[in-house]
Amino acid sequence: MTSLFLINILLALAWGAVTGSFAEVNLLFGFLLGTFALYIIREQVGTSRYTRRLWQIVSLALLFVYELLLSALRVAAIVLRPKIDLKPGIIAYPLTVDRDFEITMLANLITLTPGTLSVDVSDDRKTLYVHCIDVPDKQATIDDIKNGFERKILEAFR
């Protein structure tokens, strides 16, 4: 998997050398072109898992950007209300992910989203404590995390 990523980077650098431009946009295009080339020859070199995983990582990044924008709008709406009526709280989120990398990624994605903050992980690594600026329904918040970030992390890194 790592070697295919390095091959893809080499293809992007080769694209930059052929076109004579090492601008970020051109290298990104070369990387995408390399991914497409690896996808075309996936049966000969066994890259089908690489392209699928790459797409799942991009899907996770797109979900994060969507959640970032949505939560920023929610926080802005809360701040702009004449009367702020909040129910802040800390929820105990039961973790499905169990590897350190996955737990760290989930905690960071939650923390980077406005209105939420990862507070702590239990000693047995089964529970993540998350502070939310407004928690009208704890179970709905847990379900949002489980069906959003955590599901995408499991898809991308398992």
N, C-alpha and C. Protein backbone atom coordinates (compact mmCIF):
# COMPACT_ATOMS: atom_id res chain seq x y z
N MET A 1 0.82 -1.19 0.00
CA MET A 1 0.00 0.00 0.00
C MET A 1 0.87 1.25 0.00
N THR A 2 1.89 1.27 0.86
CA THR A 2 2.78 2.42 0.93
C THR A 2 3.57 2.56 -0.36
N SER A 3 3.99 1.43 -0.92
CA SER A 3 4.77 1.50 -2.16
C SER A 3 3.93 2.05 -3.30
N LEU A 4 2.63 1.74 -3.34
CA LEU A 4 1.77 2.28 -4.38
C LEU A 4 1.60 3.79 -4.22
N PHE A 5 1.54 4.24 -2.99
CA PHE A 5 1.45 5.68 -2.74
C PHE A 5 2.72 6.37 -3.22
N LEU A 6 3.88 5.75 -2.95
CA LEU A 6 5.15 6.32 -3.42
C LEU A 6 5.23 6.32 -4.95
N ILE A 7 4.73 5.26 -5.57
CA ILE A 7 4.69 5.21 -7.03
C ILE A 7 3.81 6.34 -7.56
N ASN A 8 2.69 6.58 -6.89
CA ASN A 8 1.79 7.65 -7.30
C ASN A 8 2.47 9.01 -7.16
N ILE A 9 3.22 9.21 -6.10
CA ILE A 9 3.96 10.47 -5.92
C ILE A 9 5.03 10.60 -7.01
N LEU A 10 5.72 9.51 -7.34
CA LEU A 10 6.71 9.55 -8.41
C LEU A 10 6.07 9.87 -9.76
N LEU A 11 4.88 9.33 -9.98
CA LEU A 11 4.16 9.66 -11.21
C LEU A 11 3.80 11.14 -11.25
N ALA A 12 3.42 11.70 -10.12
CA ALA A 12 3.10 13.13 -10.05
C ALA A 12 4.35 13.97 -10.32
N LEU A 13 5.47 13.56 -9.75
CA LEU A 13 6.73 14.28 -10.00
C LEU A 13 7.17 14.14 -11.45
N ALA A 14 6.97 12.97 -12.03
CA ALA A 14 7.28 12.78 -13.45
C ALA A 14 6.39 13.68 -14.30
N TRP A 15 5.13 13.80 -13.93
CA TRP A 15 4.23 14.70 -14.64
C TRP A 15 4.74 16.14 -14.54
N GLY A 16 5.17 16.53 -13.38
CA GLY A 16 5.72 17.87 -13.22
C GLY A 16 6.95 18.08 -14.08
N ALA A 17 7.81 17.06 -14.16
CA ALA A 17 9.02 17.18 -14.98
C ALA A 17 8.68 17.25 -16.47
N VAL A 18 7.72 16.45 -16.90
CA VAL A 18 7.34 16.45 -18.31
C VAL A 18 6.70 17.77 -18.71
N THR A 19 5.85 18.32 -17.84
CA THR A 19 5.18 19.58 -18.17
C THR A 19 6.04 20.79 -17.88
N GLY A 20 7.10 20.61 -17.10
CA GLY A 20 8.00 21.71 -16.79
C GLY A 20 7.48 22.65 -15.71
N SER A 21 6.49 22.20 -14.95
CA SER A 21 5.92 23.03 -13.89
C SER A 21 5.71 22.19 -12.64
N PHE A 22 6.30 22.64 -11.55
CA PHE A 22 6.12 21.95 -10.27
C PHE A 22 5.20 22.74 -9.35
N ALA A 23 4.27 23.48 -9.94
CA ALA A 23 3.27 24.19 -9.14
C ALA A 23 2.37 23.17 -8.44
N GLU A 24 1.83 23.57 -7.30
CA GLU A 24 1.02 22.64 -6.50
C GLU A 24 -0.16 22.09 -7.28
N VAL A 25 -0.82 22.96 -8.04
CA VAL A 25 -1.99 22.53 -8.81
C VAL A 25 -1.58 21.51 -9.86
N ASN A 26 -0.46 21.74 -10.52
CA ASN A 26 0.01 20.82 -11.55
C ASN A 26 0.42 19.48 -10.93
N LEU A 27 1.07 19.52 -9.76
CA LEU A 27 1.44 18.26 -9.10
C LEU A 27 0.20 17.51 -8.61
N LEU A 28 -0.81 18.23 -8.14
CA LEU A 28 -2.06 17.59 -7.73
C LEU A 28 -2.72 16.93 -8.93
N PHE A 29 -2.71 17.62 -10.08
CA PHE A 29 -3.26 17.03 -11.29
C PHE A 29 -2.46 15.79 -11.67
N GLY A 30 -1.13 15.85 -11.56
CA GLY A 30 -0.30 14.69 -11.85
C GLY A 30 -0.59 13.54 -10.90
N PHE A 31 -0.85 13.84 -9.63
CA PHE A 31 -1.20 12.81 -8.66
C PHE A 31 -2.52 12.15 -9.04
N LEU A 32 -3.51 12.97 -9.42
CA LEU A 32 -4.80 12.42 -9.84
C LEU A 32 -4.66 11.60 -11.12
N LEU A 33 -3.83 12.09 -12.03
CA LEU A 33 -3.56 11.36 -13.27
C LEU A 33 -2.88 10.03 -12.96
N GLY A 34 -1.93 10.04 -12.02
CA GLY A 34 -1.26 8.80 -11.60
C GLY A 34 -2.23 7.83 -10.95
N THR A 35 -3.15 8.35 -10.15
CA THR A 35 -4.17 7.49 -9.54
C THR A 35 -5.03 6.84 -10.61
N PHE A 36 -5.41 7.62 -11.61
CA PHE A 36 -6.19 7.08 -12.71
C PHE A 36 -5.41 6.01 -13.47
N ALA A 37 -4.12 6.26 -13.69
CA ALA A 37 -3.28 5.27 -14.39
C ALA A 37 -3.18 3.99 -13.58
N LEU A 38 -3.00 4.11 -12.26
CA LEU A 38 -2.94 2.92 -11.41
C LEU A 38 -4.28 2.20 -11.38
N TYR A 39 -5.37 2.96 -11.49
CA TYR A 39 -6.70 2.35 -11.53
C TYR A 39 -6.89 1.54 -12.81
N ILE A 40 -6.39 2.07 -13.93
CA ILE A 40 -6.54 1.39 -15.21
C ILE A 40 -5.80 0.05 -15.20
N ILE A 41 -4.63 -0.01 -14.59
CA ILE A 41 -3.84 -1.25 -14.58
C ILE A 41 -3.99 -2.01 -13.26
N ARG A 42 -5.09 -1.79 -12.57
CA ARG A 42 -5.29 -2.37 -11.23
C ARG A 42 -5.24 -3.89 -11.22
N GLU A 43 -5.72 -4.55 -12.26
CA GLU A 43 -5.72 -6.02 -12.26
C GLU A 43 -4.32 -6.58 -12.48
N GLN A 44 -3.49 -5.86 -13.24
CA GLN A 44 -2.15 -6.35 -13.52
C GLN A 44 -1.21 -6.16 -12.32
N VAL A 45 -1.38 -5.07 -11.58
CA VAL A 45 -0.47 -4.78 -10.47
C VAL A 45 -1.14 -4.83 -9.10
N GLY A 46 -2.42 -5.13 -9.06
CA GLY A 46 -3.13 -5.27 -7.79
C GLY A 46 -3.34 -3.96 -7.05
N THR A 47 -3.77 -2.93 -7.75
CA THR A 47 -3.95 -1.63 -7.11
C THR A 47 -5.41 -1.31 -6.80
N SER A 48 -6.31 -2.28 -6.93
CA SER A 48 -7.73 -1.98 -6.72
C SER A 48 -7.98 -1.54 -5.26
N ARG A 49 -7.30 -2.16 -4.32
CA ARG A 49 -7.47 -1.77 -2.91
C ARG A 49 -6.94 -0.35 -2.66
N TYR A 50 -5.82 -0.01 -3.33
CA TYR A 50 -5.23 1.32 -3.18
C TYR A 50 -6.19 2.40 -3.66
N THR A 51 -6.76 2.23 -4.85
CA THR A 51 -7.66 3.27 -5.38
C THR A 51 -8.94 3.35 -4.56
N ARG A 52 -9.42 2.21 -4.08
CA ARG A 52 -10.63 2.23 -3.24
C ARG A 52 -10.35 2.96 -1.93
N ARG A 53 -9.20 2.67 -1.31
CA ARG A 53 -8.85 3.33 -0.06
C ARG A 53 -8.63 4.83 -0.27
N LEU A 54 -7.99 5.18 -1.37
CA LEU A 54 -7.76 6.59 -1.67
C LEU A 54 -9.09 7.32 -1.79
N TRP A 55 -10.06 6.70 -2.47
CA TRP A 55 -11.38 7.31 -2.59
C TRP A 55 -12.05 7.44 -1.21
N GLN A 56 -11.90 6.45 -0.36
CA GLN A 56 -12.51 6.50 0.97
C GLN A 56 -11.89 7.59 1.82
N ILE A 57 -10.60 7.83 1.68
CA ILE A 57 -9.94 8.91 2.40
C ILE A 57 -10.43 10.26 1.90
N VAL A 58 -10.58 10.38 0.58
CA VAL A 58 -11.13 11.62 0.01
C VAL A 58 -12.56 11.83 0.49
N SER A 59 -13.32 10.76 0.57
CA SER A 59 -14.70 10.83 1.06
C SER A 59 -14.74 11.30 2.52
N LEU A 60 -13.80 10.83 3.34
CA LEU A 60 -13.70 11.28 4.73
C LEU A 60 -13.36 12.77 4.79
N ALA A 61 -12.45 13.20 3.95
CA ALA A 61 -12.08 14.62 3.92
C ALA A 61 -13.26 15.49 3.49
N LEU A 62 -14.01 15.03 2.50
CA LEU A 62 -15.18 15.79 2.05
C LEU A 62 -16.26 15.85 3.14
N LEU A 63 -16.45 14.74 3.86
CA LEU A 63 -17.39 14.75 4.98
C LEU A 63 -16.95 15.74 6.04
N PHE A 64 -15.65 15.78 6.32
CA PHE A 64 -15.15 16.73 7.32
C PHE A 64 -15.42 18.17 6.89
N VAL A 65 -15.15 18.50 5.63
CA VAL A 65 -15.40 19.86 5.15
C VAL A 65 -16.89 20.19 5.24
N TYR A 66 -17.74 19.24 4.88
CA TYR A 66 -19.18 19.45 4.99
C TYR A 66 -19.60 19.69 6.44
N GLU A 67 -19.15 18.84 7.34
CA GLU A 67 -19.49 18.98 8.76
C GLU A 67 -18.91 20.27 9.34
N LEU A 68 -17.73 20.66 8.89
CA LEU A 68 -17.10 21.90 9.33
C LEU A 68 -17.96 23.10 8.96
N LEU A 69 -18.41 23.14 7.72
CA LEU A 69 -19.25 24.25 7.27
C LEU A 69 -20.61 24.25 7.98
N LEU A 70 -21.20 23.08 8.10
CA LEU A 70 -22.51 22.97 8.74
C LEU A 70 -22.44 23.39 10.21
N SER A 71 -21.44 22.93 10.93
CA SER A 71 -21.34 23.27 12.35
C SER A 71 -20.93 24.73 12.54
N ALA A 72 -20.15 25.28 11.63
CA ALA A 72 -19.81 26.70 11.72
C ALA A 72 -21.07 27.55 11.56
N LEU A 73 -21.95 27.15 10.66
CA LEU A 73 -23.22 27.86 10.49
C LEU A 73 -24.09 27.72 11.74
N ARG A 74 -24.11 26.53 12.33
CA ARG A 74 -24.90 26.33 13.56
C ARG A 74 -24.38 27.21 14.70
N VAL A 75 -23.07 27.25 14.88
CA VAL A 75 -22.49 28.07 15.94
C VAL A 75 -22.75 29.55 15.67
N ALA A 76 -22.64 29.96 14.42
CA ALA A 76 -22.94 31.36 14.08
C ALA A 76 -24.39 31.70 14.38
N ALA A 77 -25.30 30.78 14.07
CA ALA A 77 -26.72 31.01 14.36
C ALA A 77 -26.95 31.11 15.87
N ILE A 78 -26.25 30.29 16.65
CA ILE A 78 -26.38 30.36 18.11
C ILE A 78 -25.89 31.70 18.63
N VAL A 79 -24.76 32.15 18.13
CA VAL A 79 -24.17 33.41 18.60
C VAL A 79 -25.03 34.60 18.21
N LEU A 80 -25.66 34.55 17.06
CA LEU A 80 -26.44 35.69 16.57
C LEU A 80 -27.86 35.76 17.12
N ARG A 81 -28.29 34.74 17.83
CA ARG A 81 -29.63 34.78 18.42
C ARG A 81 -29.70 35.85 19.51
N PRO A 82 -30.83 36.54 19.60
CA PRO A 82 -30.96 37.55 20.66
C PRO A 82 -30.91 36.93 22.07
N LYS A 83 -31.55 35.78 22.21
CA LYS A 83 -31.55 35.09 23.51
C LYS A 83 -30.92 33.73 23.31
N ILE A 84 -29.77 33.55 23.94
CA ILE A 84 -29.06 32.29 23.77
C ILE A 84 -29.60 31.28 24.77
N ASP A 85 -30.22 30.23 24.23
CA ASP A 85 -30.79 29.17 25.05
C ASP A 85 -30.07 27.87 24.68
N LEU A 86 -29.07 27.53 25.45
CA LEU A 86 -28.24 26.37 25.16
C LEU A 86 -28.39 25.29 26.22
N LYS A 87 -28.11 24.08 25.80
CA LYS A 87 -28.01 22.95 26.72
C LYS A 87 -26.65 22.30 26.50
N PRO A 88 -25.58 22.94 27.00
CA PRO A 88 -24.26 22.34 26.81
C PRO A 88 -24.12 21.09 27.66
N GLY A 89 -23.23 20.22 27.23
CA GLY A 89 -23.03 19.01 28.00
C GLY A 89 -21.88 18.19 27.50
N ILE A 90 -21.51 17.23 28.32
CA ILE A 90 -20.47 16.27 27.94
C ILE A 90 -21.16 14.93 27.76
N ILE A 91 -20.94 14.36 26.57
CA ILE A 91 -21.54 13.06 26.29
C ILE A 91 -20.44 11.99 26.34
N ALA A 92 -20.84 10.81 26.73
CA ALA A 92 -19.93 9.66 26.73
C ALA A 92 -20.20 8.89 25.45
N TYR A 93 -19.29 9.01 24.50
CA TYR A 93 -19.46 8.38 23.20
C TYR A 93 -18.80 7.00 23.20
N PRO A 94 -19.59 5.92 22.99
CA PRO A 94 -19.00 4.58 22.96
C PRO A 94 -18.25 4.36 21.64
N LEU A 95 -16.97 4.04 21.75
CA LEU A 95 -16.12 3.90 20.57
C LEU A 95 -16.27 2.53 19.91
N THR A 96 -16.34 2.54 18.60
CA THR A 96 -16.25 1.32 17.81
C THR A 96 -14.81 1.14 17.34
N VAL A 97 -14.15 2.26 17.00
CA VAL A 97 -12.74 2.20 16.61
C VAL A 97 -11.92 1.80 17.83
N ASP A 98 -10.82 1.07 17.60
CA ASP A 98 -10.05 0.61 18.75
C ASP A 98 -8.55 0.84 18.62
N ARG A 99 -8.07 1.18 17.44
CA ARG A 99 -6.64 1.44 17.28
C ARG A 99 -6.35 2.89 17.65
N ASP A 100 -5.14 3.13 18.14
CA ASP A 100 -4.76 4.48 18.59
C ASP A 100 -4.91 5.51 17.48
N PHE A 101 -4.48 5.16 16.27
CA PHE A 101 -4.58 6.08 15.14
C PHE A 101 -6.03 6.47 14.88
N GLU A 102 -6.91 5.49 14.88
CA GLU A 102 -8.33 5.76 14.60
C GLU A 102 -8.97 6.60 15.70
N ILE A 103 -8.66 6.29 16.95
CA ILE A 103 -9.20 7.05 18.07
C ILE A 103 -8.70 8.49 18.00
N THR A 104 -7.42 8.67 17.71
CA THR A 104 -6.85 10.01 17.61
C THR A 104 -7.48 10.79 16.46
N MET A 105 -7.65 10.13 15.32
CA MET A 105 -8.26 10.81 14.18
C MET A 105 -9.70 11.22 14.49
N LEU A 106 -10.47 10.35 15.10
CA LEU A 106 -11.85 10.68 15.45
C LEU A 106 -11.89 11.84 16.44
N ALA A 107 -11.05 11.78 17.46
CA ALA A 107 -11.01 12.86 18.45
C ALA A 107 -10.62 14.18 17.82
N ASN A 108 -9.65 14.16 16.91
CA ASN A 108 -9.23 15.40 16.24
C ASN A 108 -10.31 15.94 15.31
N LEU A 109 -10.98 15.08 14.56
CA LEU A 109 -12.05 15.54 13.68
C LEU A 109 -13.18 16.17 14.49
N ILE A 110 -13.50 15.57 15.63
CA ILE A 110 -14.54 16.13 16.49
C ILE A 110 -14.09 17.47 17.06
N THR A 111 -12.84 17.57 17.51
CA THR A 111 -12.33 18.81 18.09
C THR A 111 -12.26 19.93 17.06
N LEU A 112 -11.90 19.60 15.83
CA LEU A 112 -11.78 20.62 14.79
C LEU A 112 -13.12 21.12 14.29
N THR A 113 -14.19 20.42 14.63
CA THR A 113 -15.53 20.85 14.24
C THR A 113 -16.04 21.85 15.26
N PRO A 114 -16.44 23.06 14.83
CA PRO A 114 -16.91 24.07 15.79
C PRO A 114 -18.10 23.58 16.62
N GLY A 115 -18.05 23.89 17.90
CA GLY A 115 -19.13 23.53 18.81
C GLY A 115 -18.90 22.24 19.55
N THR A 116 -17.85 21.50 19.21
CA THR A 116 -17.55 20.24 19.89
C THR A 116 -16.08 20.20 20.26
N LEU A 117 -15.80 19.45 21.31
CA LEU A 117 -14.43 19.33 21.80
C LEU A 117 -14.25 17.97 22.44
N SER A 118 -13.27 17.22 21.97
CA SER A 118 -12.95 15.93 22.61
C SER A 118 -12.23 16.24 23.92
N VAL A 119 -12.76 15.69 24.99
CA VAL A 119 -12.23 16.00 26.32
C VAL A 119 -11.25 14.93 26.79
N ASP A 120 -11.65 13.67 26.68
CA ASP A 120 -10.82 12.59 27.23
C ASP A 120 -11.25 11.27 26.62
N VAL A 121 -10.34 10.30 26.72
CA VAL A 121 -10.63 8.92 26.35
C VAL A 121 -10.51 8.09 27.62
N SER A 122 -11.45 7.18 27.82
CA SER A 122 -11.40 6.35 29.03
C SER A 122 -10.15 5.47 29.02
N ASP A 123 -9.76 5.00 30.19
CA ASP A 123 -8.56 4.18 30.32
C ASP A 123 -8.64 2.88 29.50
N ASP A 124 -9.86 2.33 29.38
CA ASP A 124 -10.00 1.09 28.61
C ASP A 124 -10.18 1.35 27.11
N ARG A 125 -10.14 2.62 26.69
CA ARG A 125 -10.24 3.05 25.30
C ARG A 125 -11.55 2.62 24.65
N LYS A 126 -12.62 2.59 25.43
CA LYS A 126 -13.93 2.21 24.94
C LYS A 126 -14.88 3.40 24.86
N THR A 127 -14.53 4.52 25.50
CA THR A 127 -15.40 5.68 25.57
C THR A 127 -14.61 6.95 25.31
N LEU A 128 -15.20 7.82 24.48
CA LEU A 128 -14.63 9.13 24.20
C LEU A 128 -15.60 10.16 24.79
N TYR A 129 -15.08 11.04 25.61
CA TYR A 129 -15.91 12.07 26.21
C TYR A 129 -15.82 13.33 25.36
N VAL A 130 -16.98 13.82 24.95
CA VAL A 130 -17.06 14.95 24.02
C VAL A 130 -17.92 16.05 24.64
N HIS A 131 -17.38 17.26 24.69
CA HIS A 131 -18.16 18.42 25.13
C HIS A 131 -18.82 19.04 23.91
N CYS A 132 -20.11 19.29 24.02
CA CYS A 132 -20.88 19.90 22.93
C CYS A 132 -21.48 21.21 23.42
N ILE A 133 -21.48 22.21 22.57
CA ILE A 133 -22.01 23.52 22.95
C ILE A 133 -23.53 23.46 23.15
N ASP A 134 -24.19 22.56 22.42
CA ASP A 134 -25.64 22.43 22.54
C ASP A 134 -26.01 20.97 22.28
N VAL A 135 -26.60 20.33 23.29
CA VAL A 135 -26.97 18.92 23.18
C VAL A 135 -28.45 18.75 23.51
N PRO A 136 -29.34 19.05 22.55
CA PRO A 136 -30.75 18.84 22.84
C PRO A 136 -31.11 17.35 22.94
N ASP A 137 -30.39 16.51 22.18
CA ASP A 137 -30.65 15.07 22.19
C ASP A 137 -29.32 14.33 22.14
N LYS A 138 -28.93 13.72 23.28
CA LYS A 138 -27.63 13.05 23.35
C LYS A 138 -27.52 11.89 22.36
N GLN A 139 -28.58 11.10 22.25
CA GLN A 139 -28.53 9.93 21.36
C GLN A 139 -28.40 10.35 19.90
N ALA A 140 -29.04 11.44 19.52
CA ALA A 140 -28.91 11.93 18.14
C ALA A 140 -27.48 12.39 17.86
N THR A 141 -26.84 13.01 18.83
CA THR A 141 -25.45 13.42 18.67
C THR A 141 -24.54 12.21 18.53
N ILE A 142 -24.76 11.20 19.36
CA ILE A 142 -23.98 9.96 19.28
C ILE A 142 -24.18 9.29 17.92
N ASP A 143 -25.42 9.24 17.46
CA ASP A 143 -25.71 8.63 16.17
C ASP A 143 -25.06 9.40 15.02
N ASP A 144 -25.04 10.74 15.11
CA ASP A 144 -24.40 11.54 14.07
C ASP A 144 -22.91 11.22 13.96
N ILE A 145 -22.24 11.10 15.10
CA ILE A 145 -20.81 10.79 15.08
C ILE A 145 -20.59 9.37 14.57
N LYS A 146 -21.39 8.42 15.04
CA LYS A 146 -21.24 7.01 14.66
C LYS A 146 -21.48 6.82 13.16
N ASN A 147 -22.51 7.47 12.61
CA ASN A 147 -22.84 7.29 11.20
C ASN A 147 -22.06 8.22 10.29
N GLY A 148 -21.31 9.15 10.86
CA GLY A 148 -20.53 10.09 10.07
C GLY A 148 -19.06 9.77 10.14
N PHE A 149 -18.36 10.48 11.04
CA PHE A 149 -16.91 10.37 11.14
C PHE A 149 -16.42 8.95 11.41
N GLU A 150 -17.03 8.30 12.40
CA GLU A 150 -16.51 6.98 12.79
C GLU A 150 -16.70 5.95 11.67
N ARG A 151 -17.83 5.97 11.00
CA ARG A 151 -18.07 5.03 9.90
C ARG A 151 -17.07 5.25 8.78
N LYS A 152 -16.82 6.54 8.44
CA LYS A 152 -15.88 6.85 7.36
C LYS A 152 -14.44 6.47 7.74
N ILE A 153 -14.09 6.65 9.00
CA ILE A 153 -12.75 6.25 9.46
C ILE A 153 -12.59 4.73 9.34
N LEU A 154 -13.61 3.99 9.75
CA LEU A 154 -13.56 2.52 9.64
C LEU A 154 -13.45 2.09 8.19
N GLU A 155 -14.20 2.74 7.30
CA GLU A 155 -14.13 2.39 5.89
C GLU A 155 -12.76 2.68 5.29
N ALA A 156 -12.17 3.78 5.68
CA ALA A 156 -10.91 4.22 5.07
C ALA A 156 -9.69 3.49 5.60
N PHE A 157 -9.72 3.07 6.85
CA PHE A 157 -8.50 2.56 7.46
C PHE A 157 -8.60 1.11 7.94
N ARG A 158 -9.58 0.40 7.53
CA ARG A 158 -9.68 -1.03 7.89
C ARG A 158 -9.56 -1.88 6.66
